[in-house]
């Protein structure tokens, strides 16, 4: 569990640097340059993810709560919404006009969805930790950026394309979930 917690804390702290550690970021860029900084940031983020995965896989398991029986049916819906939000965060869609932080909100949907079907300690720490992290990062981003300039309206076709891409990625990930994560999507 220590590795999992360390990975979560590292991930959260790294992703708060652009908001609450701007002087640290600026100093690092001044010393090593912007591209090396981005490379190190990406490596550190990947490292935090690896720590989370290793921590999750090696944690002693104990049940914290019994997930509701309907949770396994709700989780795929929450995760599909998360996929749509993730894809929309990097696409010109109307979702970006309604949702200020689609990727972070997607992490929250993903985490809450998994909390509905997983009640063991390691999953609760991972998913609740990432939900809390995404909420904190959204708050920090809003504090930094203040006013939100909503994007221009785009054609419905772009929203449909985004949804189809997200559905395809979701289906592929669901299919390979057991091979990648070690846990099947359906029990």
C-alpha atoms as a PDB file:
ATOM      1  CA  UNK A   1       0.000   0.000   0.000  1.00  0.00           C
ATOM      2  CA  UNK A   2       2.940   2.310   0.599  1.00  0.00           C
ATOM      3  CA  UNK A   3       3.899   2.297  -3.085  1.00  0.00           C
ATOM      4  CA  UNK A   4       0.299   2.966  -4.083  1.00  0.00           C
ATOM      5  CA  UNK A   5       0.024   5.895  -1.689  1.00  0.00           C
ATOM      6  CA  UNK A   6       3.429   7.233  -2.753  1.00  0.00           C
ATOM      7  CA  UNK A   7       2.392   7.035  -6.417  1.00  0.00           C
ATOM      8  CA  UNK A   8      -0.866   8.879  -5.708  1.00  0.00           C
ATOM      9  CA  UNK A   9       0.859  11.634  -3.749  1.00  0.00           C
ATOM     10  CA  UNK A  10       3.584  12.033  -6.379  1.00  0.00           C
ATOM     11  CA  UNK A  11       0.993  12.141  -9.178  1.00  0.00           C
ATOM     12  CA  UNK A  12      -1.063  14.785  -7.372  1.00  0.00           C
ATOM     13  CA  UNK A  13       1.915  16.960  -6.397  1.00  0.00           C
ATOM     14  CA  UNK A  14       3.326  16.827  -9.929  1.00  0.00           C
ATOM     15  CA  UNK A  15       0.001  17.888 -11.414  1.00  0.00           C
ATOM     16  CA  UNK A  16      -0.339  20.766  -8.954  1.00  0.00           C
ATOM     17  CA  UNK A  17       3.009  22.291  -9.962  1.00  0.00           C
ATOM     18  CA  UNK A  18       1.512  24.246 -12.910  1.00  0.00           C
ATOM     19  CA  UNK A  19      -0.951  25.828 -10.483  1.00  0.00           C
ATOM     20  CA  UNK A  20       0.643  26.152  -7.041  1.00  0.00           C
ATOM     21  CA  UNK A  21       4.310  25.687  -7.947  1.00  0.00           C
ATOM     22  CA  UNK A  22       4.698  28.048 -10.856  1.00  0.00           C
ATOM     23  CA  UNK A  23       7.968  29.454  -9.509  1.00  0.00           C
ATOM     24  CA  UNK A  24       9.383  25.914  -9.203  1.00  0.00           C
ATOM     25  CA  UNK A  25       8.307  25.194 -12.786  1.00  0.00           C
ATOM     26  CA  UNK A  26       9.721  28.487 -14.082  1.00  0.00           C
ATOM     27  CA  UNK A  27      13.014  27.916 -12.231  1.00  0.00           C
ATOM     28  CA  UNK A  28      13.372  24.398 -13.625  1.00  0.00           C
ATOM     29  CA  UNK A  29      12.624  25.604 -17.160  1.00  0.00           C
ATOM     30  CA  UNK A  30      15.142  28.414 -16.720  1.00  0.00           C
ATOM     31  CA  UNK A  31      17.839  25.927 -15.692  1.00  0.00           C
ATOM     32  CA  UNK A  32      17.218  22.998 -18.062  1.00  0.00           C
ATOM     33  CA  UNK A  33      14.890  24.392 -20.756  1.00  0.00           C
ATOM     34  CA  UNK A  34      11.239  23.834 -21.553  1.00  0.00           C
ATOM     35  CA  UNK A  35      11.497  20.595 -23.550  1.00  0.00           C
ATOM     36  CA  UNK A  36      13.736  18.818 -21.017  1.00  0.00           C
ATOM     37  CA  UNK A  37      11.375  20.000 -18.261  1.00  0.00           C
ATOM     38  CA  UNK A  38       8.392  18.567 -20.131  1.00  0.00           C
ATOM     39  CA  UNK A  39      10.291  15.330 -20.675  1.00  0.00           C
ATOM     40  CA  UNK A  40      11.181  15.024 -16.992  1.00  0.00           C
ATOM     41  CA  UNK A  41       7.606  15.895 -16.037  1.00  0.00           C
ATOM     42  CA  UNK A  42       6.306  13.153 -18.332  1.00  0.00           C
ATOM     43  CA  UNK A  43       8.817  10.636 -16.929  1.00  0.00           C
ATOM     44  CA  UNK A  44       7.934  11.557 -13.347  1.00  0.00           C
ATOM     45  CA  UNK A  45       4.217  11.238 -14.170  1.00  0.00           C
ATOM     46  CA  UNK A  46       4.830   7.841 -15.733  1.00  0.00           C
ATOM     47  CA  UNK A  47       6.883   6.876 -12.672  1.00  0.00           C
ATOM     48  CA  UNK A  48       4.027   7.867 -10.349  1.00  0.00           C
ATOM     49  CA  UNK A  49       1.669   5.742 -12.444  1.00  0.00           C
ATOM     50  CA  UNK A  50       4.062   2.773 -12.275  1.00  0.00           C
ATOM     51  CA  UNK A  51       4.230   3.165  -8.476  1.00  0.00           C
ATOM     52  CA  UNK A  52       0.429   3.155  -8.308  1.00  0.00           C
ATOM     53  CA  UNK A  53       0.178  -0.005 -10.421  1.00  0.00           C
ATOM     54  CA  UNK A  54       2.929  -1.789  -8.476  1.00  0.00           C
ATOM     55  CA  UNK A  55       1.393  -0.704  -5.180  1.00  0.00           C
ATOM     56  CA  UNK A  56      -2.064  -1.837  -6.232  1.00  0.00           C
ATOM     57  CA  UNK A  57      -0.813  -5.235  -7.407  1.00  0.00           C
ATOM     58  CA  UNK A  58       1.279  -5.926  -4.286  1.00  0.00           C
ATOM     59  CA  UNK A  59      -1.127  -4.592  -1.639  1.00  0.00           C
ATOM     60  CA  UNK A  60      -2.593  -6.902   0.977  1.00  0.00           C
ATOM     61  CA  UNK A  61      -6.319  -6.982   0.284  1.00  0.00           C
ATOM     62  CA  UNK A  62      -9.005  -6.390   2.874  1.00  0.00           C
ATOM     63  CA  UNK A  63     -12.616  -5.428   2.334  1.00  0.00           C
ATOM     64  CA  UNK A  64     -13.665  -1.956   3.462  1.00  0.00           C
ATOM     65  CA  UNK A  65     -17.254  -2.213   2.221  1.00  0.00           C
ATOM     66  CA  UNK A  66     -19.478  -4.429   0.148  1.00  0.00           C
ATOM     67  CA  UNK A  67     -20.123  -2.769  -3.190  1.00  0.00           C
ATOM     68  CA  UNK A  68     -23.804  -2.618  -4.138  1.00  0.00           C
ATOM     69  CA  UNK A  69     -24.975  -5.377  -6.462  1.00  0.00           C
ATOM     70  CA  UNK A  70     -25.939  -2.799  -9.111  1.00  0.00           C
ATOM     71  CA  UNK A  71     -22.447  -1.266  -8.964  1.00  0.00           C
ATOM     72  CA  UNK A  72     -21.006  -3.650 -11.564  1.00  0.00           C
ATOM     73  CA  UNK A  73     -23.714  -2.475 -13.979  1.00  0.00           C
ATOM     74  CA  UNK A  74     -23.218   1.232 -13.211  1.00  0.00           C
ATOM     75  CA  UNK A  75     -19.429   1.164 -13.528  1.00  0.00           C
ATOM     76  CA  UNK A  76     -19.356   0.680 -17.326  1.00  0.00           C
ATOM     77  CA  UNK A  77     -21.694   3.666 -17.766  1.00  0.00           C
ATOM     78  CA  UNK A  78     -19.479   5.889 -15.605  1.00  0.00           C
ATOM     79  CA  UNK A  79     -16.354   4.686 -17.419  1.00  0.00           C
ATOM     80  CA  UNK A  80     -17.928   5.272 -20.850  1.00  0.00           C
ATOM     81  CA  UNK A  81     -18.757   8.843 -19.786  1.00  0.00           C
ATOM     82  CA  UNK A  82     -15.139   9.187 -18.652  1.00  0.00           C
ATOM     83  CA  UNK A  83     -13.893   8.032 -22.079  1.00  0.00           C
ATOM     84  CA  UNK A  84     -16.145  10.547 -23.845  1.00  0.00           C
ATOM     85  CA  UNK A  85     -14.874  13.332 -21.577  1.00  0.00           C
ATOM     86  CA  UNK A  86     -11.244  12.295 -22.120  1.00  0.00           C
ATOM     87  CA  UNK A  87     -11.601  12.319 -25.895  1.00  0.00           C
ATOM     88  CA  UNK A  88     -13.570  15.590 -25.787  1.00  0.00           C
ATOM     89  CA  UNK A  89     -10.796  17.258 -23.789  1.00  0.00           C
ATOM     90  CA  UNK A  90      -8.559  17.145 -26.865  1.00  0.00           C
ATOM     91  CA  UNK A  91     -11.163  17.748 -29.554  1.00  0.00           C
ATOM     92  CA  UNK A  92     -13.207  20.717 -30.748  1.00  0.00           C
ATOM     93  CA  UNK A  93     -16.588  19.677 -29.294  1.00  0.00           C
ATOM     94  CA  UNK A  94     -19.581  21.285 -27.670  1.00  0.00           C
ATOM     95  CA  UNK A  95     -18.735  19.340 -24.543  1.00  0.00           C
ATOM     96  CA  UNK A  96     -15.834  21.779 -24.102  1.00  0.00           C
ATOM     97  CA  UNK A  97     -18.415  24.600 -24.105  1.00  0.00           C
ATOM     98  CA  UNK A  98     -20.295  23.018 -21.174  1.00  0.00           C
ATOM     99  CA  UNK A  99     -17.516  21.367 -19.167  1.00  0.00           C
ATOM    100  CA  UNK A 100     -14.499  23.429 -18.142  1.00  0.00           C
ATOM    101  CA  UNK A 101     -12.244  20.483 -17.282  1.00  0.00           C
ATOM    102  CA  UNK A 102     -13.460  17.457 -19.258  1.00  0.00           C
ATOM    103  CA  UNK A 103     -10.370  15.326 -18.674  1.00  0.00           C
ATOM    104  CA  UNK A 104     -10.351  15.903 -14.915  1.00  0.00           C
ATOM    105  CA  UNK A 105     -14.101  15.377 -14.709  1.00  0.00           C
ATOM    106  CA  UNK A 106     -13.544  12.166 -16.684  1.00  0.00           C
ATOM    107  CA  UNK A 107     -11.076  10.987 -14.031  1.00  0.00           C
ATOM    108  CA  UNK A 108     -13.729  11.678 -11.405  1.00  0.00           C
ATOM    109  CA  UNK A 109     -16.379   9.701 -13.299  1.00  0.00           C
ATOM    110  CA  UNK A 110     -13.902   6.862 -13.823  1.00  0.00           C
ATOM    111  CA  UNK A 111     -12.979   6.801 -10.136  1.00  0.00           C
ATOM    112  CA  UNK A 112     -16.529   7.025  -8.790  1.00  0.00           C
ATOM    113  CA  UNK A 113     -17.635   4.337 -11.221  1.00  0.00           C
ATOM    114  CA  UNK A 114     -14.959   2.001  -9.946  1.00  0.00           C
ATOM    115  CA  UNK A 115     -15.827   2.766  -6.318  1.00  0.00           C
ATOM    116  CA  UNK A 116     -19.345   1.516  -7.078  1.00  0.00           C
ATOM    117  CA  UNK A 117     -18.027  -1.960  -7.874  1.00  0.00           C
ATOM    118  CA  UNK A 118     -14.861  -2.268  -5.762  1.00  0.00           C
ATOM    119  CA  UNK A 119     -14.833  -2.173  -1.986  1.00  0.00           C
ATOM    120  CA  UNK A 120     -11.395  -3.547  -1.162  1.00  0.00           C
ATOM    121  CA  UNK A 121      -8.812  -1.268   0.440  1.00  0.00           C
ATOM    122  CA  UNK A 122      -6.417  -0.981  -2.500  1.00  0.00           C
ATOM    123  CA  UNK A 123      -9.141  -0.052  -4.979  1.00  0.00           C
ATOM    124  CA  UNK A 124     -10.721   2.444  -2.596  1.00  0.00           C
ATOM    125  CA  UNK A 125      -7.351   4.121  -2.035  1.00  0.00           C
ATOM    126  CA  UNK A 126      -6.569   4.227  -5.773  1.00  0.00           C
ATOM    127  CA  UNK A 127      -9.950   5.363  -7.079  1.00  0.00           C
ATOM    128  CA  UNK A 128     -10.891   7.700  -4.236  1.00  0.00           C
ATOM    129  CA  UNK A 129      -7.358   9.123  -4.317  1.00  0.00           C
ATOM    130  CA  UNK A 130      -7.620   9.913  -8.014  1.00  0.00           C
ATOM    131  CA  UNK A 131     -11.095  11.426  -7.601  1.00  0.00           C
ATOM    132  CA  UNK A 132      -9.813  13.658  -4.787  1.00  0.00           C
ATOM    133  CA  UNK A 133      -6.729  14.521  -6.833  1.00  0.00           C
ATOM    134  CA  UNK A 134      -8.790  15.510  -9.881  1.00  0.00           C
ATOM    135  CA  UNK A 135     -11.099  17.690  -7.766  1.00  0.00           C
ATOM    136  CA  UNK A 136      -8.132  19.448  -6.133  1.00  0.00           C
ATOM    137  CA  UNK A 137      -6.515  20.032  -9.535  1.00  0.00           C
ATOM    138  CA  UNK A 138      -9.804  21.435 -10.925  1.00  0.00           C
ATOM    139  CA  UNK A 139     -10.008  23.848  -7.985  1.00  0.00           C
ATOM    140  CA  UNK A 140      -6.368  24.879  -8.436  1.00  0.00           C
ATOM    141  CA  UNK A 141      -6.898  25.419 -12.153  1.00  0.00           C
ATOM    142  CA  UNK A 142      -9.974  27.556 -11.523  1.00  0.00           C
ATOM    143  CA  UNK A 143      -8.058  29.630  -8.957  1.00  0.00           C
ATOM    144  CA  UNK A 144      -5.240  30.228 -11.414  1.00  0.00           C
ATOM    145  CA  UNK A 145      -7.329  30.890 -14.502  1.00  0.00           C
ATOM    146  CA  UNK A 146     -10.237  32.762 -12.824  1.00  0.00           C
ATOM    147  CA  UNK A 147     -12.730  33.519 -15.611  1.00  0.00           C
ATOM    148  CA  UNK A 148     -13.681  30.788 -18.028  1.00  0.00           C
ATOM    149  CA  UNK A 149     -13.977  31.755 -21.680  1.00  0.00           C
ATOM    150  CA  UNK A 150     -16.400  29.306 -23.217  1.00  0.00           C
ATOM    151  CA  UNK A 151     -15.524  27.987 -26.637  1.00  0.00           C
ATOM    152  CA  UNK A 152     -17.407  28.686 -29.823  1.00  0.00           C
ATOM    153  CA  UNK A 153     -20.220  26.345 -30.791  1.00  0.00           C
ATOM    154  CA  UNK A 154     -19.237  23.626 -33.258  1.00  0.00           C
ATOM    155  CA  UNK A 155     -21.298  21.373 -35.505  1.00  0.00           C
ATOM    156  CA  UNK A 156     -23.019  18.300 -34.093  1.00  0.00           C
ATOM    157  CA  UNK A 157     -20.894  16.085 -36.350  1.00  0.00           C
ATOM    158  CA  UNK A 158     -17.827  16.819 -34.199  1.00  0.00           C
ATOM    159  CA  UNK A 159     -19.687  15.672 -31.075  1.00  0.00           C
ATOM    160  CA  UNK A 160     -20.812  12.502 -32.832  1.00  0.00           C
ATOM    161  CA  UNK A 161     -17.276  11.766 -34.068  1.00  0.00           C
ATOM    162  CA  UNK A 162     -15.964  12.304 -30.531  1.00  0.00           C
ATOM    163  CA  UNK A 163     -18.583   9.929 -29.103  1.00  0.00           C
ATOM    164  CA  UNK A 164     -17.830   7.256 -31.724  1.00  0.00           C
ATOM    165  CA  UNK A 165     -14.073   7.478 -31.098  1.00  0.00           C
ATOM    166  CA  UNK A 166     -14.658   7.293 -27.335  1.00  0.00           C
ATOM    167  CA  UNK A 167     -16.970   4.304 -27.756  1.00  0.00           C
ATOM    168  CA  UNK A 168     -14.367   2.517 -29.883  1.00  0.00           C
ATOM    169  CA  UNK A 169     -11.593   3.182 -27.366  1.00  0.00           C
ATOM    170  CA  UNK A 170     -13.890   2.134 -24.521  1.00  0.00           C
ATOM    171  CA  UNK A 171     -14.786  -1.139 -26.279  1.00  0.00           C
ATOM    172  CA  UNK A 172     -11.127  -1.917 -26.979  1.00  0.00           C
ATOM    173  CA  UNK A 173     -10.090  -1.139 -23.413  1.00  0.00           C
ATOM    174  CA  UNK A 174     -12.973  -3.175 -21.980  1.00  0.00           C
ATOM    175  CA  UNK A 175     -11.975  -6.099 -24.192  1.00  0.00           C
ATOM    176  CA  UNK A 176      -8.323  -5.960 -23.057  1.00  0.00           C
ATOM    177  CA  UNK A 177      -9.023  -4.884 -19.458  1.00  0.00           C
ATOM    178  CA  UNK A 178      -8.247  -8.296 -17.958  1.00  0.00           C
ATOM    179  CA  UNK A 179      -5.003  -8.615 -19.931  1.00  0.00           C
ATOM    180  CA  UNK A 180      -3.839  -5.073 -19.100  1.00  0.00           C
ATOM    181  CA  UNK A 181      -5.137  -4.611 -15.557  1.00  0.00           C
ATOM    182  CA  UNK A 182      -5.462  -8.209 -14.448  1.00  0.00           C
ATOM    183  CA  UNK A 183      -9.142  -7.885 -13.578  1.00  0.00           C
ATOM    184  CA  UNK A 184     -11.998  -8.725 -15.957  1.00  0.00           C
ATOM    185  CA  UNK A 185     -14.575  -6.001 -16.634  1.00  0.00           C
ATOM    186  CA  UNK A 186     -17.408  -8.337 -15.672  1.00  0.00           C
ATOM    187  CA  UNK A 187     -17.076 -10.776 -12.790  1.00  0.00           C
END
